Amino acid sequence: MPPMILTLPNGEPIANYSFDDEAMHAPGEEQNWQESVAMWWFDVDTRMGGFMRIGHEPRMDGGNMTLWSFLQTPDWLYTPLPCAPAVSVTTAMTVAPPSGQ
């Protein structure tokens, strides 16, 4: 089903996909075909924000699932450590010290 086109208050169009599009899709023919969901957030009052992407790359190295995320507070940035395919579900974390330390 094609997306419904909505209009932002400034007149800019934005695509709005239906719930029917929210399931996994059959992979395309491209070697680098992937399917993912990405979320960004930011809270103005606490000055905290973050990003998360969950991806499926069925043709890469026999099939990869990836999770990439970070959380930022006013003083800290938390990011996952890079890891090899087929590691434990537990994500190792690195902590960057506040700037100037």
N, C-alpha and C. Protein backbone atom coordinates (compact mmCIF):
# COMPACT_ATOMS: atom_id res chain seq x y z
N MET A 1 0.85 -1.17 0.00
CA MET A 1 0.00 0.00 0.00
C MET A 1 0.89 1.24 0.00
N PRO A 2 0.67 2.19 -0.91
CA PRO A 2 1.50 3.39 -0.93
C PRO A 2 1.26 4.25 0.30
N PRO A 3 2.25 5.05 0.67
CA PRO A 3 2.08 5.89 1.86
C PRO A 3 1.05 6.99 1.63
N MET A 4 0.40 7.41 2.71
CA MET A 4 -0.47 8.58 2.66
C MET A 4 0.43 9.79 2.90
N ILE A 5 0.30 10.80 2.11
CA ILE A 5 1.14 11.99 2.24
C ILE A 5 0.42 13.01 3.12
N LEU A 6 1.07 13.36 4.23
CA LEU A 6 0.55 14.37 5.15
C LEU A 6 1.31 15.66 4.91
N THR A 7 0.81 16.74 5.43
CA THR A 7 1.48 18.03 5.28
C THR A 7 1.79 18.60 6.65
N LEU A 8 3.07 18.96 6.88
CA LEU A 8 3.49 19.60 8.11
C LEU A 8 2.94 21.02 8.15
N PRO A 9 2.90 21.65 9.33
CA PRO A 9 2.40 23.04 9.41
C PRO A 9 3.12 24.02 8.49
N ASN A 10 4.39 23.75 8.18
CA ASN A 10 5.12 24.66 7.28
C ASN A 10 4.87 24.35 5.80
N GLY A 11 3.97 23.37 5.53
CA GLY A 11 3.63 23.03 4.16
C GLY A 11 4.45 21.91 3.56
N GLU A 12 5.48 21.44 4.29
CA GLU A 12 6.34 20.36 3.78
C GLU A 12 5.61 19.02 3.84
N PRO A 13 5.66 18.23 2.77
CA PRO A 13 4.98 16.92 2.78
C PRO A 13 5.79 15.89 3.57
N ILE A 14 5.11 14.95 4.18
CA ILE A 14 5.76 13.85 4.90
C ILE A 14 4.94 12.58 4.64
N ALA A 15 5.64 11.46 4.39
CA ALA A 15 4.96 10.19 4.11
C ALA A 15 4.53 9.54 5.42
N ASN A 16 3.34 9.03 5.45
CA ASN A 16 2.80 8.31 6.61
C ASN A 16 2.39 6.92 6.13
N TYR A 17 3.16 5.91 6.53
CA TYR A 17 2.88 4.54 6.10
C TYR A 17 1.82 3.92 7.01
N SER A 18 1.03 3.01 6.46
CA SER A 18 -0.03 2.36 7.22
C SER A 18 0.56 1.27 8.12
N PHE A 19 -0.24 0.79 9.08
CA PHE A 19 0.18 -0.29 9.95
C PHE A 19 0.44 -1.57 9.16
N ASP A 20 -0.17 -1.71 7.98
CA ASP A 20 0.07 -2.87 7.14
C ASP A 20 1.53 -2.97 6.69
N ASP A 21 2.23 -1.84 6.72
CA ASP A 21 3.62 -1.80 6.30
C ASP A 21 4.58 -2.08 7.47
N GLU A 22 4.07 -2.32 8.66
CA GLU A 22 4.89 -2.45 9.86
C GLU A 22 5.32 -3.88 10.16
N ALA A 23 5.33 -4.75 9.19
CA ALA A 23 5.79 -6.13 9.37
C ALA A 23 7.05 -6.33 8.53
N MET A 24 7.71 -7.47 8.72
CA MET A 24 8.90 -7.75 7.91
C MET A 24 8.51 -7.90 6.45
N HIS A 25 9.42 -7.50 5.58
CA HIS A 25 9.21 -7.58 4.14
C HIS A 25 10.10 -8.65 3.53
N ALA A 26 9.71 -9.17 2.40
CA ALA A 26 10.56 -10.10 1.66
C ALA A 26 11.78 -9.32 1.17
N PRO A 27 13.00 -9.89 1.34
CA PRO A 27 14.20 -9.17 0.90
C PRO A 27 14.18 -8.88 -0.59
N GLY A 28 14.72 -7.72 -0.95
CA GLY A 28 14.89 -7.38 -2.35
C GLY A 28 16.07 -8.14 -2.93
N GLU A 29 16.35 -7.91 -4.20
CA GLU A 29 17.44 -8.61 -4.89
C GLU A 29 18.82 -8.05 -4.56
N GLU A 30 18.89 -6.83 -4.05
CA GLU A 30 20.17 -6.17 -3.81
C GLU A 30 20.97 -6.90 -2.72
N GLN A 31 22.29 -7.01 -2.91
CA GLN A 31 23.16 -7.66 -1.92
C GLN A 31 23.12 -6.93 -0.57
N ASN A 32 22.99 -5.61 -0.60
CA ASN A 32 23.00 -4.83 0.64
C ASN A 32 21.59 -4.48 1.13
N TRP A 33 20.57 -5.22 0.70
CA TRP A 33 19.19 -4.96 1.15
C TRP A 33 19.12 -5.11 2.66
N GLN A 34 18.40 -4.21 3.29
CA GLN A 34 18.24 -4.27 4.74
C GLN A 34 16.89 -3.70 5.14
N GLU A 35 16.47 -4.10 6.30
CA GLU A 35 15.23 -3.59 6.87
C GLU A 35 15.56 -3.16 8.29
N SER A 36 15.04 -2.02 8.70
CA SER A 36 15.39 -1.54 10.04
C SER A 36 14.31 -0.63 10.59
N VAL A 37 14.43 -0.39 11.86
CA VAL A 37 13.63 0.62 12.54
C VAL A 37 14.62 1.50 13.29
N ALA A 38 14.40 2.79 13.24
CA ALA A 38 15.29 3.72 13.93
C ALA A 38 14.44 4.70 14.72
N MET A 39 14.93 5.03 15.90
CA MET A 39 14.21 5.97 16.77
C MET A 39 15.20 7.00 17.32
N TRP A 40 14.82 8.25 17.27
CA TRP A 40 15.58 9.34 17.85
C TRP A 40 14.70 10.00 18.89
N TRP A 41 15.28 10.47 19.98
CA TRP A 41 14.49 11.19 20.97
C TRP A 41 15.36 12.22 21.66
N PHE A 42 14.71 13.25 22.19
CA PHE A 42 15.39 14.31 22.94
C PHE A 42 14.38 14.97 23.85
N ASP A 43 14.77 15.18 25.10
CA ASP A 43 13.93 15.87 26.07
C ASP A 43 14.56 17.22 26.38
N VAL A 44 13.88 18.30 26.03
CA VAL A 44 14.41 19.65 26.18
C VAL A 44 14.67 19.97 27.65
N ASP A 45 13.76 19.57 28.55
CA ASP A 45 13.91 19.90 29.97
C ASP A 45 15.13 19.26 30.61
N THR A 46 15.39 17.99 30.32
CA THR A 46 16.52 17.29 30.94
C THR A 46 17.79 17.33 30.09
N ARG A 47 17.64 17.80 28.85
CA ARG A 47 18.75 17.83 27.89
C ARG A 47 19.34 16.44 27.69
N MET A 48 18.48 15.42 27.69
CA MET A 48 18.90 14.05 27.43
C MET A 48 18.30 13.60 26.10
N GLY A 49 19.05 12.80 25.39
CA GLY A 49 18.56 12.30 24.13
C GLY A 49 19.22 10.98 23.77
N GLY A 50 18.79 10.42 22.68
CA GLY A 50 19.38 9.17 22.27
C GLY A 50 18.94 8.73 20.90
N PHE A 51 19.48 7.61 20.50
CA PHE A 51 19.22 7.03 19.19
C PHE A 51 19.28 5.51 19.34
N MET A 52 18.41 4.80 18.61
CA MET A 52 18.48 3.34 18.55
C MET A 52 18.10 2.90 17.15
N ARG A 53 18.85 1.94 16.63
CA ARG A 53 18.53 1.33 15.34
C ARG A 53 18.63 -0.18 15.50
N ILE A 54 17.58 -0.87 15.08
CA ILE A 54 17.58 -2.32 15.03
C ILE A 54 17.49 -2.68 13.55
N GLY A 55 18.43 -3.45 13.06
CA GLY A 55 18.47 -3.75 11.64
C GLY A 55 18.59 -5.22 11.32
N HIS A 56 18.07 -5.58 10.16
CA HIS A 56 18.17 -6.95 9.65
C HIS A 56 18.77 -6.86 8.26
N GLU A 57 19.89 -7.55 8.09
CA GLU A 57 20.60 -7.56 6.81
C GLU A 57 20.74 -9.03 6.38
N PRO A 58 19.71 -9.60 5.74
CA PRO A 58 19.67 -11.04 5.49
C PRO A 58 20.74 -11.57 4.53
N ARG A 59 21.31 -10.73 3.69
CA ARG A 59 22.29 -11.21 2.71
C ARG A 59 23.74 -10.95 3.14
N MET A 60 23.96 -10.29 4.25
CA MET A 60 25.31 -9.96 4.70
C MET A 60 25.87 -11.07 5.58
N ASP A 61 26.95 -11.70 5.14
CA ASP A 61 27.64 -12.73 5.92
C ASP A 61 26.69 -13.82 6.41
N GLY A 62 25.76 -14.23 5.59
CA GLY A 62 24.83 -15.28 5.99
C GLY A 62 23.63 -14.78 6.77
N GLY A 63 23.53 -13.49 6.98
CA GLY A 63 22.40 -12.90 7.70
C GLY A 63 22.82 -12.25 9.00
N ASN A 64 22.65 -10.96 9.11
CA ASN A 64 23.02 -10.21 10.32
C ASN A 64 21.80 -9.53 10.91
N MET A 65 21.75 -9.49 12.22
CA MET A 65 20.82 -8.63 12.96
C MET A 65 21.72 -7.70 13.76
N THR A 66 21.41 -6.42 13.76
CA THR A 66 22.26 -5.47 14.47
C THR A 66 21.43 -4.56 15.36
N LEU A 67 22.05 -4.13 16.43
CA LEU A 67 21.47 -3.13 17.32
C LEU A 67 22.53 -2.08 17.54
N TRP A 68 22.19 -0.83 17.28
CA TRP A 68 23.11 0.27 17.49
C TRP A 68 22.36 1.30 18.30
N SER A 69 22.97 1.78 19.38
CA SER A 69 22.26 2.75 20.19
C SER A 69 23.23 3.63 20.96
N PHE A 70 22.74 4.79 21.40
CA PHE A 70 23.48 5.61 22.34
C PHE A 70 22.50 6.42 23.16
N LEU A 71 22.94 6.85 24.30
CA LEU A 71 22.18 7.72 25.20
C LEU A 71 23.11 8.83 25.61
N GLN A 72 22.64 10.07 25.54
CA GLN A 72 23.46 11.20 25.93
C GLN A 72 22.74 12.01 26.99
N THR A 73 23.46 12.30 28.06
CA THR A 73 22.97 13.19 29.10
C THR A 73 23.79 14.47 29.00
N PRO A 74 23.51 15.51 29.78
CA PRO A 74 24.32 16.72 29.69
C PRO A 74 25.81 16.47 29.99
N ASP A 75 26.13 15.46 30.79
CA ASP A 75 27.52 15.22 31.18
C ASP A 75 28.16 13.96 30.62
N TRP A 76 27.36 13.04 30.10
CA TRP A 76 27.89 11.74 29.71
C TRP A 76 27.37 11.31 28.34
N LEU A 77 28.15 10.46 27.66
CA LEU A 77 27.72 9.83 26.43
C LEU A 77 27.97 8.34 26.58
N TYR A 78 26.92 7.54 26.50
CA TYR A 78 27.01 6.09 26.63
C TYR A 78 26.84 5.48 25.25
N THR A 79 27.78 4.66 24.83
CA THR A 79 27.70 4.02 23.52
C THR A 79 28.07 2.54 23.63
N PRO A 80 27.49 1.68 22.80
CA PRO A 80 27.88 0.27 22.83
C PRO A 80 29.29 0.09 22.28
N LEU A 81 29.98 -0.91 22.78
CA LEU A 81 31.27 -1.28 22.21
C LEU A 81 31.05 -1.99 20.89
N PRO A 82 31.93 -1.78 19.90
CA PRO A 82 31.80 -2.57 18.68
C PRO A 82 32.00 -4.05 19.01
N CYS A 83 31.26 -4.92 18.39
CA CYS A 83 31.42 -6.34 18.68
C CYS A 83 31.28 -7.15 17.39
N ALA A 84 31.84 -8.33 17.40
CA ALA A 84 31.83 -9.21 16.24
C ALA A 84 30.45 -9.85 16.10
N PRO A 85 30.11 -10.35 14.90
CA PRO A 85 28.84 -11.05 14.72
C PRO A 85 28.73 -12.26 15.66
N ALA A 86 27.51 -12.62 15.97
CA ALA A 86 27.19 -13.82 16.76
C ALA A 86 27.74 -13.73 18.17
N VAL A 87 27.69 -12.56 18.78
CA VAL A 87 28.10 -12.43 20.18
C VAL A 87 26.88 -12.54 21.07
N SER A 88 27.10 -12.55 22.36
CA SER A 88 26.03 -12.63 23.33
C SER A 88 25.07 -11.46 23.15
N VAL A 89 23.82 -11.67 23.54
CA VAL A 89 22.82 -10.61 23.46
C VAL A 89 23.18 -9.47 24.41
N THR A 90 23.89 -9.77 25.48
CA THR A 90 24.29 -8.74 26.44
C THR A 90 25.20 -7.75 25.73
N THR A 91 24.87 -6.49 25.82
CA THR A 91 25.65 -5.45 25.14
C THR A 91 26.65 -4.84 26.10
N ALA A 92 27.92 -4.86 25.74
CA ALA A 92 28.94 -4.18 26.54
C ALA A 92 28.81 -2.69 26.32
N MET A 93 29.08 -1.90 27.33
CA MET A 93 28.93 -0.45 27.23
C MET A 93 30.25 0.23 27.56
N THR A 94 30.51 1.32 26.89
CA THR A 94 31.64 2.19 27.25
C THR A 94 31.03 3.46 27.80
N VAL A 95 31.74 4.10 28.66
CA VAL A 95 31.29 5.35 29.25
C VAL A 95 32.35 6.41 29.00
N ALA A 96 31.96 7.46 28.32
CA ALA A 96 32.88 8.57 28.07
C ALA A 96 32.79 9.53 29.24
N PRO A 97 33.93 9.91 29.84
CA PRO A 97 33.88 10.84 30.97
C PRO A 97 33.41 12.22 30.53
N PRO A 98 32.92 13.03 31.46
CA PRO A 98 32.53 14.40 31.11
C PRO A 98 33.67 15.12 30.43
N SER A 99 33.37 16.05 29.55
CA SER A 99 34.40 16.78 28.85
C SER A 99 35.31 17.51 29.85
N GLY A 100 36.58 17.55 29.53
CA GLY A 100 37.54 18.22 30.40
C GLY A 100 38.16 17.31 31.43
N GLN A 101 37.79 16.04 31.46
CA GLN A 101 38.39 15.12 32.44
C GLN A 101 39.26 14.12 31.74
